[in-house]
Amino acid sequence: MEHRCSVRKPLGFQLLLYKHGVPVQGGTCRNLGLGGLYIETSERDWHKNEYLEVEIYDGRRGEAMRLPAVVVHFDTGGAGLMFDVVTGAQRRRLRDWLLEAPSTEALRRDRRAVA
């Protein structure tokens, strides 16, 4: 059963996970929404309800944003993370980024049209 509070947009970009302010693992974001994301990674060293920070890098603006998150679920491919306390400014930046970022589906269509 789906319990998300926000719609997720299918995206594919690299993320960095932090524990206690130290970068510990990278991965690929598969979908992102105002409430959280799914990170795909081969290695896992986390547990349900564990607190992490997720760094999202906006290559177009050259800006990074680190958001607190909680592990909601995980499987062999990665983990679903729910954002924890997000400021109003972070939420606006995330919303703007989601509106501007092309989805992986749109990128695939564009590549097929060029090929």
PDB file of N, CA and C in Angstrom:
ATOM      1  N   MET A   1       0.838  -1.173   0.000  1.00  0.00           N
ATOM      2  CA  MET A   1       0.000   0.000   0.000  1.00  0.00           C
ATOM      3  C   MET A   1       0.889   1.245   0.000  1.00  0.00           C
ATOM      4  N   GLU A   2       0.503   2.225  -0.776  1.00  0.00           N
ATOM      5  CA  GLU A   2       1.253   3.462  -0.919  1.00  0.00           C
ATOM      6  C   GLU A   2       0.921   4.425   0.221  1.00  0.00           C
ATOM      7  N   HIS A   3       1.956   4.950   0.900  1.00  0.00           N
ATOM      8  CA  HIS A   3       1.739   5.861   2.017  1.00  0.00           C
ATOM      9  C   HIS A   3       2.400   7.214   1.799  1.00  0.00           C
ATOM     10  N   ARG A   4       2.842   7.495   0.589  1.00  0.00           N
ATOM     11  CA  ARG A   4       3.535   8.752   0.324  1.00  0.00           C
ATOM     12  C   ARG A   4       2.595   9.940   0.461  1.00  0.00           C
ATOM     13  N   CYS A   5       3.174  11.058   0.904  1.00  0.00           N
ATOM     14  CA  CYS A   5       2.414  12.305   1.025  1.00  0.00           C
ATOM     15  C   CYS A   5       2.622  13.203  -0.185  1.00  0.00           C
ATOM     16  N   SER A   6       3.504  12.824  -1.090  1.00  0.00           N
ATOM     17  CA  SER A   6       3.749  13.641  -2.276  1.00  0.00           C
ATOM     18  C   SER A   6       4.015  12.733  -3.472  1.00  0.00           C
ATOM     19  N   VAL A   7       3.770  13.267  -4.649  1.00  0.00           N
ATOM     20  CA  VAL A   7       3.993  12.537  -5.889  1.00  0.00           C
ATOM     21  C   VAL A   7       5.485  12.498  -6.161  1.00  0.00           C
ATOM     22  N   ARG A   8       5.976  11.388  -6.694  1.00  0.00           N
ATOM     23  CA  ARG A   8       7.389  11.259  -7.041  1.00  0.00           C
ATOM     24  C   ARG A   8       7.570  11.420  -8.541  1.00  0.00           C
ATOM     25  N   LYS A   9       8.667  12.066  -8.918  1.00  0.00           N
ATOM     26  CA  LYS A   9       9.013  12.257 -10.322  1.00  0.00           C
ATOM     27  C   LYS A   9      10.171  11.321 -10.645  1.00  0.00           C
ATOM     28  N   PRO A  10      10.050  10.532 -11.730  1.00  0.00           N
ATOM     29  CA  PRO A  10      11.163   9.632 -12.073  1.00  0.00           C
ATOM     30  C   PRO A  10      12.353  10.441 -12.581  1.00  0.00           C
ATOM     31  N   LEU A  11      13.461  10.351 -11.857  1.00  0.00           N
ATOM     32  CA  LEU A  11      14.685  11.061 -12.204  1.00  0.00           C
ATOM     33  C   LEU A  11      15.858  10.110 -12.063  1.00  0.00           C
ATOM     34  N   GLY A  12      16.955  10.431 -12.677  1.00  0.00           N
ATOM     35  CA  GLY A  12      18.157   9.628 -12.550  1.00  0.00           C
ATOM     36  C   GLY A  12      19.368  10.519 -12.402  1.00  0.00           C
ATOM     37  N   PHE A  13      19.852  10.674 -11.179  1.00  0.00           N
ATOM     38  CA  PHE A  13      21.048  11.470 -10.939  1.00  0.00           C
ATOM     39  C   PHE A  13      21.746  10.937  -9.692  1.00  0.00           C
ATOM     40  N   GLN A  14      23.001  11.297  -9.532  1.00  0.00           N
ATOM     41  CA  GLN A  14      23.815  10.803  -8.432  1.00  0.00           C
ATOM     42  C   GLN A  14      23.525  11.573  -7.145  1.00  0.00           C
ATOM     43  N   LEU A  15      23.526  10.842  -6.037  1.00  0.00           N
ATOM     44  CA  LEU A  15      23.320  11.403  -4.705  1.00  0.00           C
ATOM     45  C   LEU A  15      24.459  10.976  -3.800  1.00  0.00           C
ATOM     46  N   LEU A  16      24.618  11.714  -2.727  1.00  0.00           N
ATOM     47  CA  LEU A  16      25.589  11.351  -1.712  1.00  0.00           C
ATOM     48  C   LEU A  16      24.865  11.288  -0.376  1.00  0.00           C
ATOM     49  N   LEU A  17      25.083  10.204   0.373  1.00  0.00           N
ATOM     50  CA  LEU A  17      24.479  10.032   1.697  1.00  0.00           C
ATOM     51  C   LEU A  17      25.504  10.339   2.776  1.00  0.00           C
ATOM     52  N   TYR A  18      25.031  10.981   3.827  1.00  0.00           N
ATOM     53  CA  TYR A  18      25.871  11.348   4.964  1.00  0.00           C
ATOM     54  C   TYR A  18      25.303  10.734   6.237  1.00  0.00           C
ATOM     55  N   LYS A  19      26.212  10.346   7.143  1.00  0.00           N
ATOM     56  CA  LYS A  19      25.840   9.938   8.500  1.00  0.00           C
ATOM     57  C   LYS A  19      26.672  10.791   9.439  1.00  0.00           C
ATOM     58  N   HIS A  20      26.014  11.457  10.354  1.00  0.00           N
ATOM     59  CA  HIS A  20      26.692  12.312  11.326  1.00  0.00           C
ATOM     60  C   HIS A  20      27.604  13.330  10.641  1.00  0.00           C
ATOM     61  N   GLY A  21      27.156  13.846   9.491  1.00  0.00           N
ATOM     62  CA  GLY A  21      27.908  14.871   8.778  1.00  0.00           C
ATOM     63  C   GLY A  21      29.060  14.376   7.926  1.00  0.00           C
ATOM     64  N   VAL A  22      29.258  13.068   7.857  1.00  0.00           N
ATOM     65  CA  VAL A  22      30.367  12.484   7.093  1.00  0.00           C
ATOM     66  C   VAL A  22      29.802  11.750   5.875  1.00  0.00           C
ATOM     67  N   PRO A  23      30.329  12.022   4.664  1.00  0.00           N
ATOM     68  CA  PRO A  23      29.839  11.289   3.497  1.00  0.00           C
ATOM     69  C   PRO A  23      30.206   9.809   3.608  1.00  0.00           C
ATOM     70  N   VAL A  24      29.198   8.935   3.434  1.00  0.00           N
ATOM     71  CA  VAL A  24      29.437   7.509   3.616  1.00  0.00           C
ATOM     72  C   VAL A  24      29.112   6.662   2.393  1.00  0.00           C
ATOM     73  N   GLN A  25      28.292   7.188   1.489  1.00  0.00           N
ATOM     74  CA  GLN A  25      27.863   6.338   0.386  1.00  0.00           C
ATOM     75  C   GLN A  25      27.241   7.164  -0.725  1.00  0.00           C
ATOM     76  N   GLY A  26      27.459   6.737  -1.947  1.00  0.00           N
ATOM     77  CA  GLY A  26      26.830   7.351  -3.099  1.00  0.00           C
ATOM     78  C   GLY A  26      25.781   6.417  -3.662  1.00  0.00           C
ATOM     79  N   GLY A  27      24.954   6.950  -4.532  1.00  0.00           N
ATOM     80  CA  GLY A  27      23.930   6.141  -5.169  1.00  0.00           C
ATOM     81  C   GLY A  27      23.237   6.943  -6.244  1.00  0.00           C
ATOM     82  N   THR A  28      22.255   6.325  -6.875  1.00  0.00           N
ATOM     83  CA  THR A  28      21.506   6.974  -7.943  1.00  0.00           C
ATOM     84  C   THR A  28      20.062   7.161  -7.519  1.00  0.00           C
ATOM     85  N   CYS A  29      19.580   8.379  -7.628  1.00  0.00           N
ATOM     86  CA  CYS A  29      18.178   8.665  -7.328  1.00  0.00           C
ATOM     87  C   CYS A  29      17.330   8.104  -8.460  1.00  0.00           C
ATOM     88  N   ARG A  30      16.293   7.350  -8.141  1.00  0.00           N
ATOM     89  CA  ARG A  30      15.376   6.805  -9.151  1.00  0.00           C
ATOM     90  C   ARG A  30      14.079   7.583  -9.218  1.00  0.00           C
ATOM     91  N   ASN A  31      13.651   8.148  -8.094  1.00  0.00           N
ATOM     92  CA  ASN A  31      12.492   9.032  -8.107  1.00  0.00           C
ATOM     93  C   ASN A  31      12.595   9.986  -6.933  1.00  0.00           C
ATOM     94  N   LEU A  32      12.018  11.171  -7.121  1.00  0.00           N
ATOM     95  CA  LEU A  32      12.150  12.230  -6.136  1.00  0.00           C
ATOM     96  C   LEU A  32      10.840  12.991  -6.033  1.00  0.00           C
ATOM     97  N   GLY A  33      10.474  13.342  -4.818  1.00  0.00           N
ATOM     98  CA  GLY A  33       9.287  14.157  -4.574  1.00  0.00           C
ATOM     99  C   GLY A  33       9.554  15.106  -3.438  1.00  0.00           C
ATOM    100  N   LEU A  34       8.593  15.937  -3.115  1.00  0.00           N
ATOM    101  CA  LEU A  34       8.766  16.884  -2.014  1.00  0.00           C
ATOM    102  C   LEU A  34       8.901  16.173  -0.672  1.00  0.00           C
ATOM    103  N   GLY A  35       8.398  14.938  -0.588  1.00  0.00           N
ATOM    104  CA  GLY A  35       8.428  14.214   0.681  1.00  0.00           C
ATOM    105  C   GLY A  35       9.549  13.209   0.831  1.00  0.00           C
ATOM    106  N   GLY A  36      10.239  12.874  -0.269  1.00  0.00           N
ATOM    107  CA  GLY A  36      11.292  11.881  -0.155  1.00  0.00           C
ATOM    108  C   GLY A  36      11.794  11.413  -1.497  1.00  0.00           C
ATOM    109  N   LEU A  37      12.534  10.293  -1.484  1.00  0.00           N
ATOM    110  CA  LEU A  37      13.132   9.763  -2.702  1.00  0.00           C
ATOM    111  C   LEU A  37      13.450   8.284  -2.540  1.00  0.00           C
ATOM    112  N   TYR A  38      13.763   7.665  -3.666  1.00  0.00           N
ATOM    113  CA  TYR A  38      14.277   6.290  -3.651  1.00  0.00           C
ATOM    114  C   TYR A  38      15.693   6.347  -4.198  1.00  0.00           C
ATOM    115  N   ILE A  39      16.639   5.832  -3.437  1.00  0.00           N
ATOM    116  CA  ILE A  39      18.033   5.792  -3.874  1.00  0.00           C
ATOM    117  C   ILE A  39      18.414   4.354  -4.184  1.00  0.00           C
ATOM    118  N   GLU A  40      18.962   4.165  -5.366  1.00  0.00           N
ATOM    119  CA  GLU A  40      19.429   2.853  -5.806  1.00  0.00           C
ATOM    120  C   GLU A  40      20.928   2.775  -5.545  1.00  0.00           C
ATOM    121  N   THR A  41      21.344   1.709  -4.888  1.00  0.00           N
ATOM    122  CA  THR A  41      22.754   1.527  -4.574  1.00  0.00           C
ATOM    123  C   THR A  41      23.045   0.056  -4.369  1.00  0.00           C
ATOM    124  N   SER A  42      24.278  -0.326  -4.629  1.00  0.00           N
ATOM    125  CA  SER A  42      24.632  -1.732  -4.497  1.00  0.00           C
ATOM    126  C   SER A  42      24.987  -2.087  -3.057  1.00  0.00           C
ATOM    127  N   GLU A  43      25.549  -1.151  -2.330  1.00  0.00           N
ATOM    128  CA  GLU A  43      25.935  -1.418  -0.946  1.00  0.00           C
ATOM    129  C   GLU A  43      24.956  -0.741  -0.008  1.00  0.00           C
ATOM    130  N   ARG A  44      24.714  -1.378   1.119  1.00  0.00           N
ATOM    131  CA  ARG A  44      23.820  -0.794   2.119  1.00  0.00           C
ATOM    132  C   ARG A  44      24.418  -0.978   3.500  1.00  0.00           C
ATOM    133  N   ASP A  45      24.355   0.074   4.264  1.00  0.00           N
ATOM    134  CA  ASP A  45      24.733  -0.019   5.666  1.00  0.00           C
ATOM    135  C   ASP A  45      23.773   0.860   6.463  1.00  0.00           C
ATOM    136  N   TRP A  46      22.500   0.564   6.354  1.00  0.00           N
ATOM    137  CA  TRP A  46      21.488   1.339   7.050  1.00  0.00           C
ATOM    138  C   TRP A  46      20.402   0.417   7.569  1.00  0.00           C
ATOM    139  N   HIS A  47      19.554   0.993   8.390  1.00  0.00           N
ATOM    140  CA  HIS A  47      18.458   0.248   9.002  1.00  0.00           C
ATOM    141  C   HIS A  47      17.189   1.085   8.930  1.00  0.00           C
ATOM    142  N   LYS A  48      16.056   0.437   9.024  1.00  0.00           N
ATOM    143  CA  LYS A  48      14.781   1.152   9.021  1.00  0.00           C
ATOM    144  C   LYS A  48      14.772   2.162  10.167  1.00  0.00           C
ATOM    145  N   ASN A  49      14.242   3.348   9.900  1.00  0.00           N
ATOM    146  CA  ASN A  49      14.134   4.460  10.842  1.00  0.00           C
ATOM    147  C   ASN A  49      15.477   5.124  11.164  1.00  0.00           C
ATOM    148  N   GLU A  50      16.510   4.781  10.426  1.00  0.00           N
ATOM    149  CA  GLU A  50      17.820   5.415  10.637  1.00  0.00           C
ATOM    150  C   GLU A  50      17.818   6.807  10.000  1.00  0.00           C
ATOM    151  N   TYR A  51      18.465   7.741  10.670  1.00  0.00           N
ATOM    152  CA  TYR A  51      18.576   9.113  10.157  1.00  0.00           C
ATOM    153  C   TYR A  51      19.820   9.255   9.306  1.00  0.00           C
ATOM    154  N   LEU A  52      19.646   9.862   8.143  1.00  0.00           N
ATOM    155  CA  LEU A  52      20.733  10.150   7.216  1.00  0.00           C
ATOM    156  C   LEU A  52      20.552  11.581   6.715  1.00  0.00           C
ATOM    157  N   GLU A  53      21.520  12.036   5.948  1.00  0.00           N
ATOM    158  CA  GLU A  53      21.364  13.267   5.197  1.00  0.00           C
ATOM    159  C   GLU A  53      21.614  12.926   3.737  1.00  0.00           C
ATOM    160  N   VAL A  54      20.838  13.514   2.858  1.00  0.00           N
ATOM    161  CA  VAL A  54      20.958  13.271   1.423  1.00  0.00           C
ATOM    162  C   VAL A  54      21.401  14.575   0.770  1.00  0.00           C
ATOM    163  N   GLU A  55      22.490  14.504   0.021  1.00  0.00           N
ATOM    164  CA  GLU A  55      22.943  15.698  -0.696  1.00  0.00           C
ATOM    165  C   GLU A  55      22.514  15.605  -2.147  1.00  0.00           C
ATOM    166  N   ILE A  56      21.742  16.595  -2.571  1.00  0.00           N
ATOM    167  CA  ILE A  56      21.263  16.686  -3.944  1.00  0.00           C
ATOM    168  C   ILE A  56      22.029  17.812  -4.610  1.00  0.00           C
ATOM    169  N   TYR A  57      22.617  17.528  -5.761  1.00  0.00           N
ATOM    170  CA  TYR A  57      23.404  18.524  -6.475  1.00  0.00           C
ATOM    171  C   TYR A  57      22.667  18.958  -7.736  1.00  0.00           C
ATOM    172  N   ASP A  58      22.443  20.247  -7.873  1.00  0.00           N
ATOM    173  CA  ASP A  58      21.811  20.818  -9.057  1.00  0.00           C
ATOM    174  C   ASP A  58      22.925  21.312  -9.973  1.00  0.00           C
ATOM    175  N   GLY A  59      23.258  20.512 -10.975  1.00  0.00           N
ATOM    176  CA  GLY A  59      24.353  20.833 -11.880  1.00  0.00           C
ATOM    177  C   GLY A  59      24.123  22.085 -12.700  1.00  0.00           C
ATOM    178  N   ARG A  60      22.878  22.399 -12.990  1.00  0.00           N
ATOM    179  CA  ARG A  60      22.587  23.595 -13.786  1.00  0.00           C
ATOM    180  C   ARG A  60      22.922  24.866 -13.025  1.00  0.00           C
ATOM    181  N   ARG A  61      22.671  24.861 -11.744  1.00  0.00           N
ATOM    182  CA  ARG A  61      22.940  26.049 -10.924  1.00  0.00           C
ATOM    183  C   ARG A  61      24.264  25.939 -10.175  1.00  0.00           C
ATOM    184  N   GLY A  62      24.836  24.748 -10.154  1.00  0.00           N
ATOM    185  CA  GLY A  62      26.081  24.556  -9.407  1.00  0.00           C
ATOM    186  C   GLY A  62      25.872  24.627  -7.903  1.00  0.00           C
ATOM    187  N   GLU A  63      24.683  24.229  -7.449  1.00  0.00           N
ATOM    188  CA  GLU A  63      24.342  24.290  -6.030  1.00  0.00           C
ATOM    189  C   GLU A  63      24.042  22.903  -5.488  1.00  0.00           C
ATOM    190  N   ALA A  64      24.392  22.699  -4.232  1.00  0.00           N
ATOM    191  CA  ALA A  64      24.056  21.455  -3.550  1.00  0.00           C
ATOM    192  C   ALA A  64      23.136  21.773  -2.376  1.00  0.00           C
ATOM    193  N   MET A  65      22.266  20.828  -2.069  1.00  0.00           N
ATOM    194  CA  MET A  65      21.364  20.983  -0.933  1.00  0.00           C
ATOM    195  C   MET A  65      21.369  19.671  -0.161  1.00  0.00           C
ATOM    196  N   ARG A  66      21.607  19.765   1.123  1.00  0.00           N
ATOM    197  CA  ARG A  66      21.609  18.580   1.968  1.00  0.00           C
ATOM    198  C   ARG A  66      20.345  18.565   2.808  1.00  0.00           C
ATOM    199  N   LEU A  67      19.602  17.457   2.714  1.00  0.00           N
ATOM    200  CA  LEU A  67      18.322  17.328   3.410  1.00  0.00           C
ATOM    201  C   LEU A  67      18.363  16.169   4.400  1.00  0.00           C
ATOM    202  N   PRO A  68      17.827  16.362   5.603  1.00  0.00           N
ATOM    203  CA  PRO A  68      17.731  15.259   6.553  1.00  0.00           C
ATOM    204  C   PRO A  68      16.658  14.276   6.101  1.00  0.00           C
ATOM    205  N   ALA A  69      16.929  12.996   6.288  1.00  0.00           N
ATOM    206  CA  ALA A  69      15.986  11.971   5.832  1.00  0.00           C
ATOM    207  C   ALA A  69      16.007  10.775   6.776  1.00  0.00           C
ATOM    208  N   VAL A  70      14.932  10.001   6.697  1.00  0.00           N
ATOM    209  CA  VAL A  70      14.783   8.785   7.495  1.00  0.00           C
ATOM    210  C   VAL A  70      14.565   7.619   6.540  1.00  0.00           C
ATOM    211  N   VAL A  71      15.217   6.495   6.798  1.00  0.00           N
ATOM    212  CA  VAL A  71      15.024   5.287   5.988  1.00  0.00           C
ATOM    213  C   VAL A  71      13.649   4.711   6.320  1.00  0.00           C
ATOM    214  N   VAL A  72      12.773   4.651   5.313  1.00  0.00           N
ATOM    215  CA  VAL A  72      11.423   4.146   5.502  1.00  0.00           C
ATOM    216  C   VAL A  72      11.358   2.664   5.151  1.00  0.00           C
ATOM    217  N   HIS A  73      12.018   2.298   4.066  1.00  0.00           N
ATOM    218  CA  HIS A  73      12.086   0.884   3.675  1.00  0.00           C
ATOM    219  C   HIS A  73      13.347   0.677   2.850  1.00  0.00           C
ATOM    220  N   PHE A  74      13.783  -0.576   2.767  1.00  0.00           N
ATOM    221  CA  PHE A  74      14.919  -0.891   1.909  1.00  0.00           C
ATOM    222  C   PHE A  74      14.750  -2.293   1.365  1.00  0.00           C
ATOM    223  N   ASP A  75      15.414  -2.526   0.241  1.00  0.00           N
ATOM    224  CA  ASP A  75      15.409  -3.846  -0.384  1.00  0.00           C
ATOM    225  C   ASP A  75      16.787  -4.075  -0.971  1.00  0.00           C
ATOM    226  N   THR A  76      16.931  -5.109  -1.778  1.00  0.00           N
ATOM    227  CA  THR A  76      18.249  -5.427  -2.328  1.00  0.00           C
ATOM    228  C   THR A  76      18.755  -4.376  -3.300  1.00  0.00           C
ATOM    229  N   GLY A  77      17.869  -3.548  -3.853  1.00  0.00           N
ATOM    230  CA  GLY A  77      18.287  -2.544  -4.822  1.00  0.00           C
ATOM    231  C   GLY A  77      18.566  -1.170  -4.261  1.00  0.00           C
ATOM    232  N   GLY A  78      18.067  -0.876  -3.069  1.00  0.00           N
ATOM    233  CA  GLY A  78      18.266   0.450  -2.506  1.00  0.00           C
ATOM    234  C   GLY A  78      17.321   0.723  -1.360  1.00  0.00           C
ATOM    235  N   ALA A  79      16.951   2.013  -1.202  1.00  0.00           N
ATOM    236  CA  ALA A  79      16.109   2.381  -0.057  1.00  0.00           C
ATOM    237  C   ALA A  79      15.194   3.547  -0.386  1.00  0.00           C
ATOM    238  N   GLY A  80      14.036   3.528   0.260  1.00  0.00           N
ATOM    239  CA  GLY A  80      13.106   4.650   0.208  1.00  0.00           C
ATOM    240  C   GLY A  80      13.375   5.535   1.408  1.00  0.00           C
ATOM    241  N   LEU A  81      13.619   6.808   1.157  1.00  0.00           N
ATOM    242  CA  LEU A  81      13.907   7.756   2.223  1.00  0.00           C
ATOM    243  C   LEU A  81      12.816   8.818   2.281  1.00  0.00           C
ATOM    244  N   MET A  82      12.419   9.172   3.489  1.00  0.00           N
ATOM    245  CA  MET A  82      11.442  10.236   3.690  1.00  0.00           C
ATOM    246  C   MET A  82      12.197  11.426   4.286  1.00  0.00           C
ATOM    247  N   PHE A  83      12.004  12.614   3.703  1.00  0.00           N
ATOM    248  CA  PHE A  83      12.668  13.788   4.245  1.00  0.00           C
ATOM    249  C   PHE A  83      12.122  14.072   5.631  1.00  0.00           C
ATOM    250  N   ASP A  84      13.008  14.520   6.520  1.00  0.00           N
ATOM    251  CA  ASP A  84      12.620  14.811   7.897  1.00  0.00           C
ATOM    252  C   ASP A  84      12.271  16.294   7.987  1.00  0.00           C
ATOM    253  N   VAL A  85      12.936  17.061   8.756  1.00  0.00           N
ATOM    254  CA  VAL A  85      12.634  18.478   8.936  1.00  0.00           C
ATOM    255  C   VAL A  85      13.270  19.266   7.796  1.00  0.00           C
ATOM    256  N   VAL A  86      12.418  19.811   6.934  1.00  0.00           N
ATOM    257  CA  VAL A  86      12.877  20.578   5.781  1.00  0.00           C
ATOM    258  C   VAL A  86      12.402  22.018   5.957  1.00  0.00           C
ATOM    259  N   THR A  87      13.312  22.974   5.778  1.00  0.00           N
ATOM    260  CA  THR A  87      12.939  24.382   5.941  1.00  0.00           C
ATOM    261  C   THR A  87      12.096  24.841   4.753  1.00  0.00           C
ATOM    262  N   GLY A  88      11.447  25.979   4.906  1.00  0.00           N
ATOM    263  CA  GLY A  88      10.657  26.544   3.819  1.00  0.00           C
ATOM    264  C   GLY A  88      11.519  26.848   2.603  1.00  0.00           C
ATOM    265  N   ALA A  89      12.720  27.370   2.830  1.00  0.00           N
ATOM    266  CA  ALA A  89      13.631  27.688   1.726  1.00  0.00           C
ATOM    267  C   ALA A  89      14.058  26.413   0.993  1.00  0.00           C
ATOM    268  N   GLN A  90      14.372  25.352   1.746  1.00  0.00           N
ATOM    269  CA  GLN A  90      14.755  24.087   1.121  1.00  0.00           C
ATOM    270  C   GLN A  90      13.590  23.515   0.315  1.00  0.00           C
ATOM    271  N   ARG A  91      12.392  23.619   0.841  1.00  0.00           N
ATOM    272  CA  ARG A  91      11.204  23.102   0.151  1.00  0.00           C
ATOM    273  C   ARG A  91      10.971  23.851  -1.158  1.00  0.00           C
ATOM    274  N   ARG A  92      11.145  25.175  -1.132  1.00  0.00           N
ATOM    275  CA  ARG A  92      10.991  25.964  -2.363  1.00  0.00           C
ATOM    276  C   ARG A  92      12.045  25.597  -3.394  1.00  0.00           C
ATOM    277  N   ARG A  93      13.293  25.437  -2.954  1.00  0.00           N
ATOM    278  CA  ARG A  93      14.365  25.042  -3.878  1.00  0.00           C
ATOM    279  C   ARG A  93      14.087  23.671  -4.468  1.00  0.00           C
ATOM    280  N   LEU A  94      13.638  22.745  -3.638  1.00  0.00           N
ATOM    281  CA  LEU A  94      13.317  21.400  -4.105  1.00  0.00           C
ATOM    282  C   LEU A  94      12.159  21.440  -5.100  1.00  0.00           C
ATOM    283  N   ARG A  95      11.134  22.213  -4.811  1.00  0.00           N
ATOM    284  CA  ARG A  95       9.987  22.342  -5.717  1.00  0.00           C
ATOM    285  C   ARG A  95      10.426  22.936  -7.061  1.00  0.00           C
ATOM    286  N   ASP A  96      11.219  23.998  -7.025  1.00  0.00           N
ATOM    287  CA  ASP A  96      11.726  24.607  -8.264  1.00  0.00           C
ATOM    288  C   ASP A  96      12.544  23.604  -9.056  1.00  0.00           C
ATOM    289  N   TRP A  97      13.381  22.866  -8.349  1.00  0.00           N
ATOM    290  CA  TRP A  97      14.242  21.894  -9.013  1.00  0.00           C
ATOM    291  C   TRP A  97      13.408  20.794  -9.668  1.00  0.00           C
ATOM    292  N   LEU A  98      12.385  20.332  -8.981  1.00  0.00           N
ATOM    293  CA  LEU A  98      11.514  19.292  -9.533  1.00  0.00           C
ATOM    294  C   LEU A  98      10.768  19.785 -10.774  1.00  0.00           C
ATOM    295  N   LEU A  99      10.325  21.033 -10.752  1.00  0.00           N
ATOM    296  CA  LEU A  99       9.606  21.584 -11.899  1.00  0.00           C
ATOM    297  C   LEU A  99      10.509  21.745 -13.118  1.00  0.00           C
ATOM    298  N   GLU A 100      11.778  22.072 -12.884  1.00  0.00           N
ATOM    299  CA  GLU A 100      12.707  22.330 -13.988  1.00  0.00           C
ATOM    300  C   GLU A 100      13.395  21.072 -14.506  1.00  0.00           C
ATOM    301  N   ALA A 101      13.609  20.092 -13.666  1.00  0.00           N
ATOM    302  CA  ALA A 101      14.391  18.907 -14.045  1.00  0.00           C
ATOM    303  C   ALA A 101      13.609  18.009 -14.996  1.00  0.00           C
ATOM    304  N   PRO A 102      14.234  17.618 -16.109  1.00  0.00           N
ATOM    305  CA  PRO A 102      13.560  16.667 -16.999  1.00  0.00           C
ATOM    306  C   PRO A 102      13.552  15.278 -16.365  1.00  0.00           C
ATOM    307  N   SER A 103      12.461  14.568 -16.523  1.00  0.00           N
ATOM    308  CA  SER A 103      12.386  13.218 -15.970  1.00  0.00           C
ATOM    309  C   SER A 103      13.213  12.272 -16.835  1.00  0.00           C
ATOM    310  N   THR A 104      13.522  11.104 -16.295  1.00  0.00           N
ATOM    311  CA  THR A 104      14.268  10.109 -17.064  1.00  0.00           C
ATOM    312  C   THR A 104      13.457   9.659 -18.272  1.00  0.00           C
ATOM    313  N   GLU A 105      12.127   9.661 -18.149  1.00  0.00           N
ATOM    314  CA  GLU A 105      11.285   9.285 -19.287  1.00  0.00           C
ATOM    315  C   GLU A 105      11.405  10.307 -20.413  1.00  0.00           C
ATOM    316  N   ALA A 106      11.420  11.597 -20.073  1.00  0.00           N
ATOM    317  CA  ALA A 106      11.567  12.644 -21.084  1.00  0.00           C
ATOM    318  C   ALA A 106      12.941  12.569 -21.738  1.00  0.00           C
ATOM    319  N   LEU A 107      13.977  12.291 -20.949  1.00  0.00           N
ATOM    320  CA  LEU A 107      15.319  12.169 -21.510  1.00  0.00           C
ATOM    321  C   LEU A 107      15.389  10.996 -22.486  1.00  0.00           C
ATOM    322  N   ARG A 108      14.735   9.876 -22.145  1.00  0.00           N
ATOM    323  CA  ARG A 108      14.725   8.719 -23.056  1.00  0.00           C
ATOM    324  C   ARG A 108      14.026   9.067 -24.367  1.00  0.00           C
ATOM    325  N   ARG A 109      12.895   9.769 -24.277  1.00  0.00           N
ATOM    326  CA  ARG A 109      12.180  10.180 -25.493  1.00  0.00           C
ATOM    327  C   ARG A 109      13.049  11.090 -26.351  1.00  0.00           C
ATOM    328  N   ASP A 110      13.742  12.040 -25.718  1.00  0.00           N
ATOM    329  CA  ASP A 110      14.604  12.961 -26.452  1.00  0.00           C
ATOM    330  C   ASP A 110      15.736  12.209 -27.154  1.00  0.00           C
ATOM    331  N   ARG A 111      16.321  11.228 -26.473  1.00  0.00           N
ATOM    332  CA  ARG A 111      17.417  10.460 -27.077  1.00  0.00           C
ATOM    333  C   ARG A 111      16.925   9.652 -28.275  1.00  0.00           C
ATOM    334  N   ARG A 112      15.725   9.074 -28.162  1.00  0.00           N
ATOM    335  CA  ARG A 112      15.173   8.303 -29.291  1.00  0.00           C
ATOM    336  C   ARG A 112      14.871   9.221 -30.465  1.00  0.00           C
ATOM    337  N   ALA A 113      14.397  10.436 -30.197  1.00  0.00           N
ATOM    338  CA  ALA A 113      14.069  11.370 -31.270  1.00  0.00           C
ATOM    339  C   ALA A 113      15.330  11.816 -32.015  1.00  0.00           C
ATOM    340  N   VAL A 114      16.456  11.921 -31.318  1.00  0.00           N
ATOM    341  CA  VAL A 114      17.717  12.348 -31.944  1.00  0.00           C
ATOM    342  C   VAL A 114      18.331  11.200 -32.714  1.00  0.00           C
ATOM    343  N   ALA A 115      18.192   9.990 -32.221  1.00  0.00           N
ATOM    344  CA  ALA A 115      18.841   8.815 -32.839  1.00  0.00           C
ATOM    345  C   ALA A 115      18.233   8.397 -34.144  1.00  0.00           C
TER     346      ALA A 115
END
